[in-house]
Every structure is written in structure tokens, then in C-alpha cells.
Protein backbone atom coordinates (compact mmCIF):
# COMPACT_ATOMS: atom_id res chain seq x y z
CA MET A 1 -87.51 152.53 -21.29
CA ARG A 2 -86.01 153.28 -24.68
CA ARG A 3 -87.47 150.23 -24.96
CA LEU A 4 -86.58 148.75 -21.65
CA ASN A 5 -86.67 145.30 -21.67
CA ARG A 6 -87.59 143.52 -20.12
CA ARG A 7 -85.76 144.62 -23.27
CA VAL A 8 -85.71 148.33 -24.39
CA GLY A 9 -85.24 150.86 -28.29
CA VAL A 10 -83.19 150.08 -31.47
CA LEU A 11 -83.29 149.99 -35.26
CA ILE A 12 -80.91 147.41 -36.55
CA THR A 13 -80.25 147.37 -40.26
CA PHE A 14 -78.13 144.91 -42.09
CA VAL A 15 -76.05 145.71 -45.14
CA VAL A 16 -73.99 142.96 -46.73
CA LEU A 17 -70.51 143.95 -47.84
CA ALA A 18 -67.90 142.17 -49.88
CA GLY A 19 -65.32 140.38 -47.76
CA LEU A 20 -63.57 142.80 -45.41
CA LEU A 21 -64.53 145.94 -43.50
CA LEU A 22 -64.53 148.99 -45.72
CA PRO A 23 -63.16 152.35 -44.57
CA ALA A 24 -65.30 154.27 -42.07
CA GLY A 25 -68.36 155.76 -43.75
CA VAL A 26 -68.11 153.51 -46.85
CA TRP A 27 -70.71 150.75 -46.70
CA GLY A 28 -71.69 150.08 -50.29
CA GLY A 29 -70.18 147.68 -52.80
CA PRO A 30 -70.77 144.19 -54.15
CA ARG A 31 -73.11 142.09 -52.04
CA SER A 32 -71.84 138.85 -50.51
CA ALA A 33 -72.94 136.37 -47.90
CA LEU A 34 -69.87 137.00 -45.73
CA VAL A 35 -70.42 140.36 -44.06
CA VAL A 36 -73.60 141.93 -42.66
CA VAL A 37 -73.80 145.50 -41.38
CA SER A 38 -76.36 146.39 -38.76
CA GLY A 39 -77.50 149.82 -37.63
CA MET A 40 -79.46 151.33 -34.78
CA TRP A 41 -80.83 154.76 -33.93
CA SER A 42 -78.76 155.44 -30.82
CA PRO A 43 -75.46 154.13 -29.42
CA PRO A 44 -75.27 151.47 -26.71
CA ASN A 45 -74.29 152.80 -23.30
CA ASN A 46 -72.40 149.61 -22.46
CA PHE A 47 -72.33 145.87 -23.14
CA ASN A 48 -73.14 144.75 -19.60
CA PRO A 49 -75.22 141.53 -19.81
CA VAL A 50 -76.74 142.13 -16.37
CA PHE A 51 -77.09 145.92 -16.47
CA SER A 52 -77.38 147.46 -19.92
CA ASP A 53 -79.72 150.42 -19.86
CA SER A 54 -81.83 149.63 -22.93
CA ALA A 55 -82.34 147.48 -26.00
CA TYR A 56 -79.63 149.47 -27.78
CA GLY A 57 -77.16 147.69 -25.54
CA TYR A 58 -79.08 144.42 -25.26
CA TYR A 59 -79.43 144.00 -29.01
CA ALA A 60 -75.66 143.92 -29.38
CA ILE A 61 -75.30 141.84 -26.21
CA ARG A 62 -77.56 139.14 -27.61
CA PHE A 63 -75.10 138.47 -30.44
CA MET A 64 -72.38 137.80 -27.86
CA PHE A 65 -74.13 136.38 -24.77
CA MET A 66 -76.92 133.87 -24.30
CA GLY A 67 -79.63 132.86 -21.90
CA LEU A 68 -80.53 129.30 -21.09
CA LEU A 69 -83.57 129.28 -23.39
CA GLU A 70 -85.06 131.15 -26.32
CA ALA A 71 -88.79 131.91 -26.54
CA ARG A 72 -91.01 132.45 -29.58
CA LEU A 73 -94.72 132.78 -30.18
CA GLU A 74 -96.21 130.19 -32.51
CA ASN A 75 -99.95 130.41 -33.18
CA ASN A 76 -100.08 132.88 -30.27
CA GLN A 77 -98.65 130.22 -27.93
CA LEU A 78 -95.33 130.55 -26.10
CA LYS A 79 -92.78 127.99 -27.26
CA LEU A 80 -89.37 127.47 -25.65
CA PHE A 81 -86.22 126.35 -27.46
CA PRO A 82 -82.77 125.27 -26.26
CA ALA A 83 -80.09 127.97 -26.10
CA LEU A 84 -77.29 127.41 -23.56
CA ALA A 85 -79.44 124.73 -21.96
CA SER A 86 -79.96 121.62 -24.08
CA LYS A 87 -82.82 120.36 -21.92
CA TRP A 88 -84.88 121.23 -18.84
CA GLU A 89 -87.29 119.40 -16.57
CA VAL A 90 -90.18 120.68 -14.46
CA GLY A 91 -90.82 118.99 -11.12
CA SER A 92 -94.33 117.85 -10.24
CA ASP A 93 -94.32 120.39 -7.40
CA HIS A 94 -93.95 123.28 -9.91
CA GLN A 95 -91.13 124.53 -7.68
CA THR A 96 -88.17 122.40 -8.78
CA TYR A 97 -86.54 122.95 -12.20
CA THR A 98 -83.55 121.03 -13.52
CA PHE A 99 -81.39 122.34 -16.38
CA THR A 100 -78.69 120.64 -18.43
CA ILE A 101 -76.22 122.89 -20.27
CA HIS A 102 -75.35 121.92 -23.84
CA PRO A 103 -72.25 119.68 -23.72
CA LYS A 104 -70.49 121.80 -26.36
CA ALA A 105 -71.47 125.21 -24.96
CA ALA A 106 -68.22 127.14 -24.47
CA TRP A 107 -66.96 130.65 -23.90
CA HIS A 108 -65.20 132.48 -26.70
CA ASP A 109 -61.83 131.76 -25.04
CA GLY A 110 -62.52 128.01 -25.18
CA LYS A 111 -63.48 127.46 -21.52
CA PRO A 112 -66.68 125.42 -21.08
CA VAL A 113 -69.88 127.09 -19.94
CA THR A 114 -70.75 125.38 -16.65
CA ALA A 115 -73.31 125.33 -13.86
CA GLU A 116 -70.82 127.42 -11.87
CA ASP A 117 -71.23 130.21 -14.44
CA VAL A 118 -75.00 130.12 -14.03
CA LEU A 119 -74.71 130.17 -10.24
CA PHE A 120 -72.26 133.08 -10.47
CA THR A 121 -74.72 134.98 -12.66
CA VAL A 122 -77.62 134.33 -10.28
CA MET A 123 -75.53 135.33 -7.26
CA THR A 124 -74.37 138.50 -9.03
CA ILE A 125 -77.89 139.58 -10.01
CA SER A 126 -79.26 138.83 -6.54
CA ASP A 127 -76.39 140.56 -4.70
CA PRO A 128 -77.73 143.78 -3.11
CA ARG A 129 -74.41 145.48 -3.91
CA ALA A 130 -74.57 144.76 -7.65
CA GLU A 131 -76.13 147.14 -10.17
CA THR A 132 -78.46 145.11 -12.36
CA ASN A 133 -81.85 145.28 -14.05
CA ARG A 134 -82.23 141.52 -14.47
CA GLY A 135 -83.89 140.99 -11.08
CA VAL A 136 -87.11 139.74 -12.68
CA ALA A 137 -85.21 136.68 -13.95
CA VAL A 138 -84.36 135.43 -10.43
CA ALA A 139 -87.09 137.00 -8.27
CA ASN A 140 -89.04 133.73 -8.01
CA LEU A 141 -86.12 131.77 -6.55
CA ALA A 142 -86.17 130.70 -2.91
CA GLY A 143 -84.10 133.06 -0.76
CA VAL A 144 -84.63 136.04 -3.08
CA ASP A 145 -86.99 138.95 -2.46
CA ALA A 146 -89.46 140.55 -4.87
CA ARG A 147 -86.72 142.82 -6.27
CA GLY A 148 -84.57 139.82 -7.14
CA LYS A 149 -82.13 140.46 -4.26
CA ARG A 150 -80.93 137.92 -1.69
CA ALA A 151 -82.48 138.30 1.71
CA PRO A 152 -79.90 138.61 4.55
CA GLY A 153 -78.74 135.15 5.60
CA ALA A 154 -81.12 133.38 3.21
CA GLN A 155 -80.21 130.12 1.48
CA ILE A 156 -80.75 130.62 -2.25
CA GLY A 157 -82.69 128.00 -4.22
CA PHE A 158 -79.83 126.77 -6.41
CA ARG A 159 -78.02 123.42 -6.32
CA ILE A 160 -75.22 122.26 -8.63
CA LEU A 161 -75.70 118.64 -9.71
CA GLY A 162 -72.68 118.36 -11.98
CA PRO A 163 -70.39 120.46 -14.20
CA LYS A 164 -73.18 120.94 -16.74
CA GLN A 165 -76.29 120.38 -14.64
CA PHE A 166 -78.06 122.31 -11.88
CA GLU A 167 -81.38 122.58 -10.08
CA VAL A 168 -83.28 125.67 -8.97
CA LYS A 169 -86.15 125.89 -6.52
CA THR A 170 -88.77 128.63 -6.35
CA LYS A 171 -90.28 130.09 -3.17
CA THR A 172 -93.74 128.79 -4.03
CA PRO A 173 -95.29 126.83 -6.89
CA VAL A 174 -95.23 128.97 -10.03
CA ASP A 175 -96.58 128.76 -13.55
CA PRO A 176 -93.82 126.71 -15.24
CA LEU A 177 -94.09 128.45 -18.60
CA GLY A 178 -93.89 131.88 -16.99
CA PHE A 179 -90.94 130.92 -14.82
CA LEU A 180 -89.03 129.35 -17.70
CA GLU A 181 -89.64 132.43 -19.84
CA GLN A 182 -88.25 134.75 -17.16
CA PHE A 183 -85.40 132.66 -15.76
CA GLY A 184 -84.52 131.12 -19.11
CA THR A 185 -84.67 134.07 -21.51
CA LEU A 186 -84.12 137.24 -19.46
CA MET A 187 -80.85 136.27 -17.79
CA TYR A 188 -77.69 136.38 -19.90
CA ILE A 189 -75.01 134.14 -18.40
CA ILE A 190 -71.65 135.79 -17.59
CA PRO A 191 -68.23 134.07 -17.27
CA LYS A 192 -67.14 133.36 -13.70
CA HIS A 193 -63.54 132.70 -14.72
CA VAL A 194 -63.31 136.26 -16.10
CA LEU A 195 -65.41 138.24 -13.62
CA GLY A 196 -65.52 136.07 -10.51
CA ASP A 197 -62.92 138.09 -8.62
CA VAL A 198 -64.50 141.48 -9.36
CA PRO A 199 -66.29 142.96 -6.30
CA PRO A 200 -70.05 143.07 -7.09
CA GLU A 201 -70.27 146.81 -6.48
CA GLN A 202 -67.50 147.39 -9.06
CA LEU A 203 -68.81 145.05 -11.76
CA SER A 204 -70.80 147.63 -13.74
CA ARG A 205 -67.68 149.82 -14.03
CA HIS A 206 -65.33 146.99 -14.98
CA PRO A 207 -63.58 147.43 -18.38
CA PHE A 208 -65.12 144.15 -19.54
CA MET A 209 -68.49 145.89 -19.85
CA GLN A 210 -67.09 148.12 -22.60
CA ASN A 211 -64.89 145.41 -24.10
CA PRO A 212 -66.74 142.08 -23.68
CA THR A 213 -64.20 139.78 -25.26
CA VAL A 214 -65.49 136.55 -23.65
CA GLY A 215 -69.09 135.65 -24.45
CA SER A 216 -70.89 132.45 -25.40
CA GLY A 217 -73.06 133.53 -28.34
CA PRO A 218 -72.78 133.14 -32.11
CA TYR A 219 -70.54 136.22 -32.48
CA LYS A 220 -67.40 137.54 -30.78
CA PHE A 221 -66.77 141.16 -29.89
CA VAL A 222 -64.08 142.84 -32.02
CA GLN A 223 -64.38 146.58 -31.34
CA TYR A 224 -66.75 149.46 -30.72
CA LYS A 225 -66.14 152.70 -32.58
CA THR A 226 -67.96 155.18 -30.36
CA ASP A 227 -71.21 156.42 -31.91
CA GLN A 228 -70.34 154.67 -35.18
CA TYR A 229 -70.58 150.87 -35.04
CA VAL A 230 -69.98 147.64 -33.12
CA GLU A 231 -67.91 145.09 -35.01
CA LEU A 232 -68.53 141.38 -34.41
CA LEU A 233 -66.89 138.24 -35.80
CA LEU A 234 -68.42 134.77 -36.04
CA ASN A 235 -67.78 132.23 -33.29
CA GLU A 236 -66.54 129.27 -35.30
CA ASN A 237 -67.06 126.97 -32.28
CA TYR A 238 -70.64 128.07 -31.55
CA HIS A 239 -72.36 125.08 -30.00
CA LEU A 240 -75.52 125.43 -32.12
CA GLY A 241 -73.56 125.65 -35.35
CA ALA A 242 -71.14 128.23 -36.75
CA PRO A 243 -72.87 131.24 -38.38
CA THR A 244 -72.72 131.41 -42.17
CA VAL A 245 -72.36 135.22 -42.04
CA ARG A 246 -68.77 135.78 -40.93
CA ARG A 247 -68.82 139.40 -39.83
CA LEU A 248 -71.43 141.79 -38.45
CA PHE A 249 -71.41 145.54 -37.99
CA VAL A 250 -74.04 147.08 -35.73
CA ARG A 251 -74.12 150.66 -36.98
CA ILE A 252 -75.64 153.74 -35.37
CA ILE A 253 -77.87 155.19 -38.11
CA PRO A 254 -80.43 158.01 -37.80
CA PRO A 255 -83.92 156.82 -38.75
CA THR A 256 -84.13 159.41 -41.52
CA VAL A 257 -81.25 157.68 -43.34
CA MET A 258 -82.95 154.28 -43.42
CA MET A 259 -85.04 154.93 -46.53
CA ALA A 260 -82.05 155.84 -48.67
CA GLN A 261 -80.26 152.69 -47.48
CA LEU A 262 -83.25 150.56 -48.44
CA GLU A 263 -83.66 152.15 -51.85
CA ARG A 264 -79.98 151.53 -52.66
CA GLY A 265 -80.31 147.93 -51.52
CA ASP A 266 -77.73 148.49 -48.78
CA MET A 267 -79.95 147.19 -45.98
CA ASP A 268 -80.84 143.56 -45.42
CA ILE A 269 -82.77 143.64 -42.15
CA THR A 270 -84.36 146.26 -39.92
CA ALA A 271 -85.05 145.33 -36.32
CA GLY A 272 -88.41 147.06 -36.01
CA ALA A 273 -90.02 145.81 -32.81
CA GLY A 274 -90.86 149.37 -31.78
CA ILE A 275 -87.20 150.12 -31.22
CA GLY A 276 -86.45 151.58 -34.60
CA SER A 277 -89.16 150.62 -37.04
CA ILE A 278 -89.23 152.04 -40.55
CA LEU A 279 -90.60 155.57 -40.45
CA LEU A 280 -94.31 155.67 -41.17
CA ASP A 281 -93.73 158.33 -43.82
CA ASP A 282 -91.63 155.75 -45.70
CA TRP A 283 -93.70 152.63 -45.04
CA ASP A 284 -95.79 152.65 -48.25
CA ARG A 285 -92.66 153.13 -50.38
CA VAL A 286 -90.94 150.26 -48.59
CA LYS A 287 -93.90 147.94 -49.16
CA ALA A 288 -93.62 148.63 -52.89
CA MET A 289 -89.96 147.59 -53.10
CA ALA A 290 -89.41 144.37 -55.05
CA HIS A 291 -86.25 143.23 -53.27
CA VAL A 292 -87.57 143.20 -49.68
CA ARG A 293 -90.39 141.79 -47.56
CA ALA A 294 -92.19 144.42 -45.45
CA LEU A 295 -93.60 142.87 -42.27
CA SER A 296 -96.12 144.46 -39.91
CA PHE A 297 -97.31 142.61 -36.80
CA PRO A 298 -98.46 143.44 -33.25
CA LEU A 299 -95.76 143.75 -30.61
CA PRO A 300 -95.94 142.76 -26.93
CA GLY A 301 -94.75 146.25 -25.96
CA TYR A 302 -96.21 149.71 -25.63
CA GLN A 303 -95.38 153.40 -25.40
CA PHE A 304 -96.45 155.28 -22.29
CA MET A 305 -96.25 158.48 -20.26
CA VAL A 306 -95.06 157.94 -16.71
CA PHE A 307 -95.86 160.21 -13.77
CA ASN A 308 -93.36 161.05 -11.04
CA PHE A 309 -95.25 159.85 -7.96
CA GLN A 310 -92.92 161.93 -5.78
CA ARG A 311 -94.76 165.00 -7.06
CA ALA A 312 -97.74 165.33 -4.69
CA TYR A 313 -99.54 167.59 -7.17
CA LEU A 314 -99.77 164.68 -9.66
CA GLU A 315 -102.56 163.08 -7.64
CA LYS A 316 -105.10 160.65 -9.07
CA ARG A 317 -107.60 163.26 -10.31
CA VAL A 318 -104.81 165.08 -12.14
CA ARG A 319 -103.57 161.83 -13.69
CA ARG A 320 -107.10 161.02 -14.81
CA ALA A 321 -107.49 164.50 -16.25
CA MET A 322 -104.36 163.96 -18.34
CA ALA A 323 -105.62 160.57 -19.52
CA HIS A 324 -108.82 162.26 -20.72
CA ALA A 325 -106.90 165.18 -22.24
CA ILE A 326 -104.55 163.17 -24.47
CA ASN A 327 -106.00 162.43 -27.89
CA ARG A 328 -104.84 158.85 -28.21
CA PRO A 329 -107.13 158.10 -31.17
CA LEU A 330 -105.30 160.86 -33.04
CA LEU A 331 -101.94 159.29 -32.15
CA VAL A 332 -103.04 155.88 -33.44
CA ASN A 333 -105.04 156.86 -36.52
CA GLN A 334 -103.05 159.82 -37.83
CA LEU A 335 -99.57 159.89 -36.32
CA LEU A 336 -99.18 156.11 -36.56
CA LYS A 337 -101.46 155.73 -39.61
CA GLY A 338 -103.25 152.78 -38.03
CA GLU A 339 -100.02 150.84 -37.41
CA ALA A 340 -100.85 150.60 -33.70
CA THR A 341 -103.67 149.74 -31.31
CA LEU A 342 -105.24 152.03 -28.73
CA ALA A 343 -103.84 151.08 -25.33
CA GLU A 344 -105.71 149.98 -22.22
CA GLY A 345 -102.83 149.06 -19.88
CA PRO A 346 -99.52 147.22 -19.57
CA ILE A 347 -100.88 143.82 -20.68
CA PRO A 348 -101.58 144.03 -24.43
CA PRO A 349 -104.41 142.42 -26.43
CA THR A 350 -102.01 139.79 -27.81
CA ASN A 351 -101.50 138.43 -24.28
CA PRO A 352 -103.77 135.56 -23.08
CA TYR A 353 -104.18 137.43 -19.75
CA PHE A 354 -105.55 140.58 -21.41
CA ASN A 355 -108.79 141.88 -19.85
CA LYS A 356 -110.93 143.02 -22.76
CA ASP A 357 -113.45 144.65 -20.42
CA VAL A 358 -111.00 147.37 -19.36
CA LYS A 359 -111.35 150.28 -21.77
CA PRO A 360 -109.00 153.24 -22.33
CA TRP A 361 -109.91 156.56 -20.77
CA ALA A 362 -111.96 158.39 -23.38
CA TYR A 363 -110.65 161.53 -25.04
CA ASP A 364 -112.79 164.11 -23.26
CA GLN A 365 -111.28 167.54 -22.71
CA ALA A 366 -114.36 168.86 -20.86
CA ARG A 367 -114.05 166.05 -18.33
CA ALA A 368 -110.32 166.74 -18.05
CA ARG A 369 -110.97 170.41 -17.17
CA SER A 370 -113.60 169.38 -14.61
CA LEU A 371 -111.19 166.96 -12.88
CA LEU A 372 -108.47 169.60 -12.75
CA GLN A 373 -110.92 172.02 -11.15
CA GLU A 374 -111.89 169.39 -8.56
CA ALA A 375 -108.20 168.83 -7.78
CA GLY A 376 -107.57 172.56 -7.37
CA TRP A 377 -104.96 172.53 -10.10
CA ASP A 378 -102.53 175.47 -10.07
CA ALA A 379 -102.72 176.75 -13.65
CA SER A 380 -99.47 178.71 -13.19
CA ARG A 381 -97.47 175.52 -12.60
CA THR A 382 -95.29 174.32 -15.50
CA LEU A 383 -94.65 170.58 -15.80
CA ILE A 384 -91.48 169.13 -17.29
CA LEU A 385 -92.15 166.46 -19.92
CA ARG A 386 -88.93 164.60 -20.69
CA VAL A 387 -88.60 163.00 -24.14
CA PRO A 388 -85.69 160.95 -25.49
CA THR A 389 -84.43 161.70 -28.98
CA GLY A 390 -84.08 159.04 -31.68
CA ASN A 391 -87.64 157.69 -31.93
CA ILE A 392 -89.27 160.20 -34.27
CA ILE A 393 -92.83 158.98 -33.63
CA ARG A 394 -92.33 159.36 -29.90
CA GLU A 395 -90.88 162.84 -30.39
CA ARG A 396 -93.85 163.85 -32.53
CA SER A 397 -96.28 162.37 -30.03
CA ALA A 398 -94.72 164.59 -27.34
CA ASP A 399 -95.72 167.69 -29.28
CA ILE A 400 -99.30 166.45 -29.60
CA ILE A 401 -99.46 165.54 -25.90
CA ARG A 402 -98.17 168.97 -24.93
CA GLU A 403 -100.80 170.68 -27.10
CA ASN A 404 -103.53 168.47 -25.60
CA LEU A 405 -102.48 169.26 -22.03
CA VAL A 406 -102.10 172.98 -22.67
CA ALA A 407 -105.62 172.97 -24.13
CA VAL A 408 -107.10 171.87 -20.78
CA GLY A 409 -105.02 174.28 -18.69
CA ILE A 410 -101.79 172.39 -17.92
CA ARG A 411 -98.59 174.19 -18.83
CA VAL A 412 -95.94 171.84 -20.20
CA GLU A 413 -92.31 172.33 -21.15
CA ILE A 414 -90.71 169.59 -23.27
CA GLN A 415 -87.08 168.71 -22.56
CA ARG A 416 -85.45 166.53 -25.22
CA THR A 417 -82.18 164.70 -24.55
CA ASP A 418 -80.36 161.62 -25.79
CA PHE A 419 -81.51 158.39 -24.20
CA PRO A 420 -78.77 157.90 -21.58
CA THR A 421 -79.36 161.46 -20.33
CA HIS A 422 -83.13 160.84 -20.40
CA LEU A 423 -82.82 157.75 -18.21
CA ALA A 424 -80.41 159.45 -15.83
CA ALA A 425 -82.88 162.31 -15.34
CA ILE A 426 -85.72 159.89 -14.58
CA GLN A 427 -83.57 157.90 -12.16
CA ALA A 428 -82.65 161.14 -10.39
CA GLY A 429 -86.31 162.17 -10.20
CA ASN A 430 -85.73 165.30 -12.31
CA TYR A 431 -89.04 165.22 -14.19
CA ASP A 432 -92.80 165.45 -13.83
CA LEU A 433 -93.79 163.43 -16.90
CA ALA A 434 -91.67 161.28 -19.21
CA LEU A 435 -92.23 159.28 -22.40
CA VAL A 436 -90.84 155.76 -22.39
CA GLY A 437 -91.39 152.45 -24.16
CA TRP A 438 -91.57 148.93 -22.74
CA THR A 439 -91.48 145.43 -24.21
CA GLY A 440 -92.97 142.65 -22.12
CA GLY A 441 -93.19 138.91 -22.43
CA VAL A 442 -96.06 136.46 -22.33
CA ASP A 443 -96.05 135.93 -18.58
CA PRO A 444 -98.32 138.60 -17.03
CA ASP A 445 -96.10 139.23 -14.01
CA VAL A 446 -95.31 142.95 -14.18
CA SER A 447 -94.24 143.28 -10.55
CA GLN A 448 -90.76 144.48 -11.54
CA GLN A 449 -92.38 147.63 -12.91
CA PHE A 450 -95.25 148.32 -10.56
CA ARG A 451 -94.55 146.74 -7.20
CA THR A 452 -93.25 149.06 -4.49
CA GLY A 453 -89.44 149.23 -4.60
CA ALA A 454 -89.08 146.80 -7.52
CA THR A 455 -86.30 146.86 -10.10
CA TYR A 456 -87.97 149.17 -12.63
CA ASN A 457 -90.24 151.05 -10.24
CA TRP A 458 -87.78 153.95 -10.39
CA LEU A 459 -89.65 154.86 -13.58
CA GLY A 460 -92.48 156.30 -11.51
CA ARG A 461 -91.67 155.49 -7.87
CA MET A 462 -95.28 154.48 -7.30
CA SER A 463 -96.43 152.61 -4.20
CA ILE A 464 -100.00 151.33 -4.52
CA PRO A 465 -100.85 148.70 -1.86
CA GLN A 466 -103.66 147.07 -3.84
CA ILE A 467 -101.38 146.61 -6.85
CA ASP A 468 -98.66 145.17 -4.60
CA GLN A 469 -101.13 142.68 -3.13
CA LEU A 470 -102.45 141.53 -6.51
CA LEU A 471 -98.99 141.16 -8.05
CA ASP A 472 -97.74 139.16 -5.07
CA GLU A 473 -100.80 136.93 -5.25
CA GLY A 474 -100.41 136.38 -8.99
CA LYS A 475 -96.75 135.41 -8.70
CA GLY A 476 -97.56 132.75 -6.10
CA ILE A 477 -100.08 130.77 -8.16
CA ALA A 478 -99.04 128.09 -10.65
CA ASP A 479 -102.39 127.36 -12.33
CA PRO A 480 -103.02 129.80 -15.25
CA ALA A 481 -106.79 129.45 -14.80
CA LYS A 482 -106.50 130.67 -11.20
CA ARG A 483 -104.01 133.41 -12.10
CA ARG A 484 -106.18 134.94 -14.81
CA PRO A 485 -108.81 136.54 -12.51
CA ILE A 486 -106.03 138.10 -10.44
CA TYR A 487 -104.42 139.76 -13.45
CA TYR A 488 -107.82 140.80 -14.76
CA ARG A 489 -108.34 142.58 -11.43
CA PHE A 490 -104.84 144.06 -11.60
CA GLN A 491 -105.69 145.66 -14.96
CA GLU A 492 -108.86 147.15 -13.47
CA VAL A 493 -106.93 148.66 -10.55
CA PHE A 494 -104.21 149.89 -12.90
CA ALA A 495 -106.79 151.70 -15.03
CA ASP A 496 -108.26 153.27 -11.90
CA GLU A 497 -104.95 154.34 -10.29
CA LEU A 498 -103.18 155.27 -13.55
CA PRO A 499 -99.50 154.97 -12.61
CA TYR A 500 -98.88 155.32 -16.36
CA VAL A 501 -100.94 156.62 -19.24
CA VAL A 502 -100.34 153.79 -21.68
CA LEU A 503 -100.61 155.45 -25.09
CA TYR A 504 -100.60 152.73 -27.73
CA TYR A 505 -99.34 149.28 -28.68
CA GLU A 506 -97.27 149.84 -31.81
CA ASN A 507 -96.88 147.34 -34.64
CA ALA A 508 -93.45 146.20 -35.70
CA ARG A 509 -92.60 147.53 -39.14
CA ASN A 510 -89.75 145.31 -40.19
CA VAL A 511 -87.98 144.84 -43.48
CA VAL A 512 -86.15 141.68 -44.50
CA ALA A 513 -84.32 141.44 -47.82
CA LYS A 514 -85.61 138.57 -49.93
CA ARG A 515 -82.08 137.21 -50.10
CA MET A 516 -82.14 136.62 -46.30
CA SER A 517 -83.55 133.36 -44.92
CA ASN A 518 -84.04 131.67 -41.54
CA VAL A 519 -85.05 135.04 -40.06
CA LEU A 520 -87.46 134.49 -37.17
CA HIS A 521 -88.68 136.60 -34.24
CA ASP A 522 -88.53 135.85 -30.55
CA VAL A 523 -91.42 136.38 -28.15
CA TYR A 524 -90.46 140.03 -27.62
CA GLY A 525 -90.59 140.93 -31.31
CA PHE A 526 -86.79 140.97 -31.70
CA TYR A 527 -84.93 138.72 -34.09
CA ASP A 528 -83.97 135.25 -32.94
CA PHE A 529 -80.46 134.93 -34.34
CA GLN A 530 -79.17 132.69 -31.56
CA THR A 531 -81.10 129.49 -32.23
CA HIS A 532 -81.87 130.16 -35.89
CA ILE A 533 -78.74 131.26 -37.72
CA TRP A 534 -79.35 133.78 -40.47
CA VAL A 535 -78.46 132.88 -44.03
CA ALA A 536 -77.58 135.56 -46.59
CA ALA A 537 -77.39 134.58 -50.25
CA PRO A 538 -74.86 136.46 -52.40
CA GLN A 539 -76.35 139.09 -54.71
């Protein structure tokens, strides 16, 4: 989604200031280790830990709220680290998981983080009345359906063992690493003592979601200046150690401004991760800068074009024709200058479940025209291609895609809007085609996107029985060796049915000032600033 996230689209840049906040619009000055300014391409829609609409919101949320665990890739292997939970145990049945919350974990108002808070979060996410996009985190629990919602009258698989300890039980045996990744890292715990009395259907509209003054993360919310910046202050009682950087500003900065900021030395970190990477036109200049490290590495996410399955005229032959018509090699080699990989499907080559035998649909305009003729395509029909503003590469790719489709006889009108408007239009079904990005994890379970009626299936509203069957089967198997053939088959069916045209897997193009240390990435390609506190040396 802008990048949806499982996380979703941001560029965060960090500029260190001297001491206190400078007047609006003034961000230069002597460099110190006390204040860091961050920036992103578009504003956050809200700060709702269970229902932010994209990574623009979730990036800011992750400074203030935490999950139970943090995940990183080390030597291409998923590794889990304590966050709110200090330890966890996996039962021999691969269905029972016990968590212990860090004894010093506390909310920003001093109240302890407890098992009751975790239960409240699980019950909120699984409540059919609550608006949330965190269903994937709880969908494996007993008593919860595939969308992550509680079945009527069902007993949920959650048991409190003590103030700081609880046990969860899954419906069936599951792959422990996959479950811990989803339940541990994709669910941000919310405070029961603040929100417990709010009716679930009113939670997303509660003032707290615009003014989240009680979190549990390394930074506290101070203020949000609309379309300008989010101001954050260190949590001196953070249970994993007080941050050394006292103040953070998450600024909204157009991508075209980033280069000037870097050249002046006003930027310490860019988030990259496909949610605001350095512009490709500027990448060679950035790599030549002496005061920064330019980092390029494959991401677990991808950019794609989704079809509205409610449009009967977008049948399989038409979808295949579009896949043949789009010049994806041109997108990768010229538009992205090789800083991407040609896409096959929603499970990328960096994932251990990737099926290397599934190849992308070849660029073949003659075949595209032939398929359209077979489908009886109405050449007078004009399709609406919706494109969000902010990601310049994605905007440029839209122009290329339109030209490619027009060349085979498909009329296309591009409609560009800001990201919140873009998502609202997709949710309302007011589109034929739309460009979106997605960041996934290591676990291959993509049922929240592609299973009928699942949390993120509103992106295309597809219902493909064979995909449903395979995803359900994959979720219910704990042994990775037995899961792999199922997800290999899923990728084959995906390539045949084409619910999305997956365009490319983009590299992160991140910049970290050489004065910054302890800067690591989580499994999704974002920065891990929760379990590894950034250090900024004065300069």
C-alpha cells in the first residue's frame, strides 16, 4: 500500500540540531548529539497502532509503541530479539507459546505494561467491530478466523499467567518462527488503562490516535504540526535503556529536497526501504559523498499493479495481456538503473520459500494483442489507473505502464492523488488498476492479502478458491520442509491467475551519516531503533 505493511511508504531523514527546536522551517546550525530531525515524503494519516493506513504512520508509531519482539535478518536467517517481551517459550506441540514481559517495561505515564495490555490489544484487533489492519498478527490464535476476527461465541486462545506473563494457543500446530514473527513483531501493544473504556467501533476515531501521549517505546509524543513534522522526546525510563539522542523530529520532506539536505550535511539518516529511498538521479552523487555511507540492499517488498476483480472485463486473459504488455525490463534496467530485480510474484528471491522456477510474464506486445482479441476487448473502454503521489519512481513507472498498455490497444487514464485519497478510492472500489507497494516478512503466509475476505484483500477483492485452499493448507503446517511445496504451488497458481502484476523488487537506497552508529535494519528493511539505540556523535 504506500508501502502497506505488513508495513507501508516513507523517507525518513535525520538532521541533528543544536539543543532546542529551531523556528519552523529553520533546520540548520551546529551539529550535536542531542537532537535528530527526521523527514518523510508524505504526512501520517494518524498514529493508530492497530489501524494506521501506511508506513508513513507506522514509522512514527514505532518510535512510540512496541511489539513483543523485534526481527532482523542475519546471514539471510530470521533472528528474533526481545522488545516488550524479555523471553518466550515454544511448546513441544508448536501450538502453545508463553511470553514474559520485561519487568521494567512501562507506559510513558509510569504504569507498567502488563499481560492485560496484551490481551486488550488482541481482543481489540480480533473484535469484528474494530477497524484494524493488524489481523495477520492474531489470525493463527484459537478462536479467531482467517481475517483475525473472533468467531461468534468462540473462546480465544489466550491465558494470563501473571501480571507480566501470558500464554497463547494457536488453532493448529504452526511454524514457530513464522508465528513469532507475526504475533511478536506486527502487533503494537496499546494501553488498556487509557483506551479500555472506549467502544471498539469508536477506537479509530478517538482523539488518542492523533495525540498518542501514552506509549511504551523509546520516544514520547510531543506534538504533530500538520504536514510539517512530528516532534518526539526521549523516554528517560525506557526499559531497554534511555536513548542518547534526546529529541527527534519526523519531518515531511519532498524527495526532491533530499539531495540538497545531504549536500549541506543536514541529513543523518534516510529510511530507504522502498518507502522514500534516495532518488536514483541523485544516487551516484550520494555515493561520492565523504561524510555518509550509501547502502543498497534487496528489500523483502515489491511494487505492483492491482486489478479490481469487481470489474468483470478484467478477466484472466486481459490480466495476462497486461502482464505481457508492461515492459518490466525497462522499468528495472532504465527507470531503476538496475537498483531492483525483475519480479515473479509476492514472495521475493530473498525469501527461503521463493520458487525460482516461476518466471515473470515475458514482455511480448504481440502476445498481449492476441490475448485481448481472444477476450473480445472493447477498445473504446478507458481504464482508470490510480497512482499515489510522493514516490517519484512509482509516478514515472505509471507513465511507462500507460504507454505500454495504450500501445496494445488499452486506453488508460492516470489519476494521481495523495496517498490517503488513493487508499480511500481503492477501498471504495473507484478504480480499475492501481499502483501500490508492499513490504512482507520472512514467513510466506500471504493469506491476509490474497485469501477471500482477508484483511488486505480490499486491494483487489479477489476470490480464487485454489489460492484460498493453498494458503489455508500452508498456515496449518508447522514443518518448513512440508510447507515449502505448498508455497511453491501457491506461486505457480498466483502467476497463472495474476491477481496482481508484480512489477519489481526494489533495493533499499539508504544513507547513514558516518557520525551515526548502532544503526541496524529489521527484517522488513526499516531501521531497528527500538532494540538498538542510535548514537550520534557531535560534529
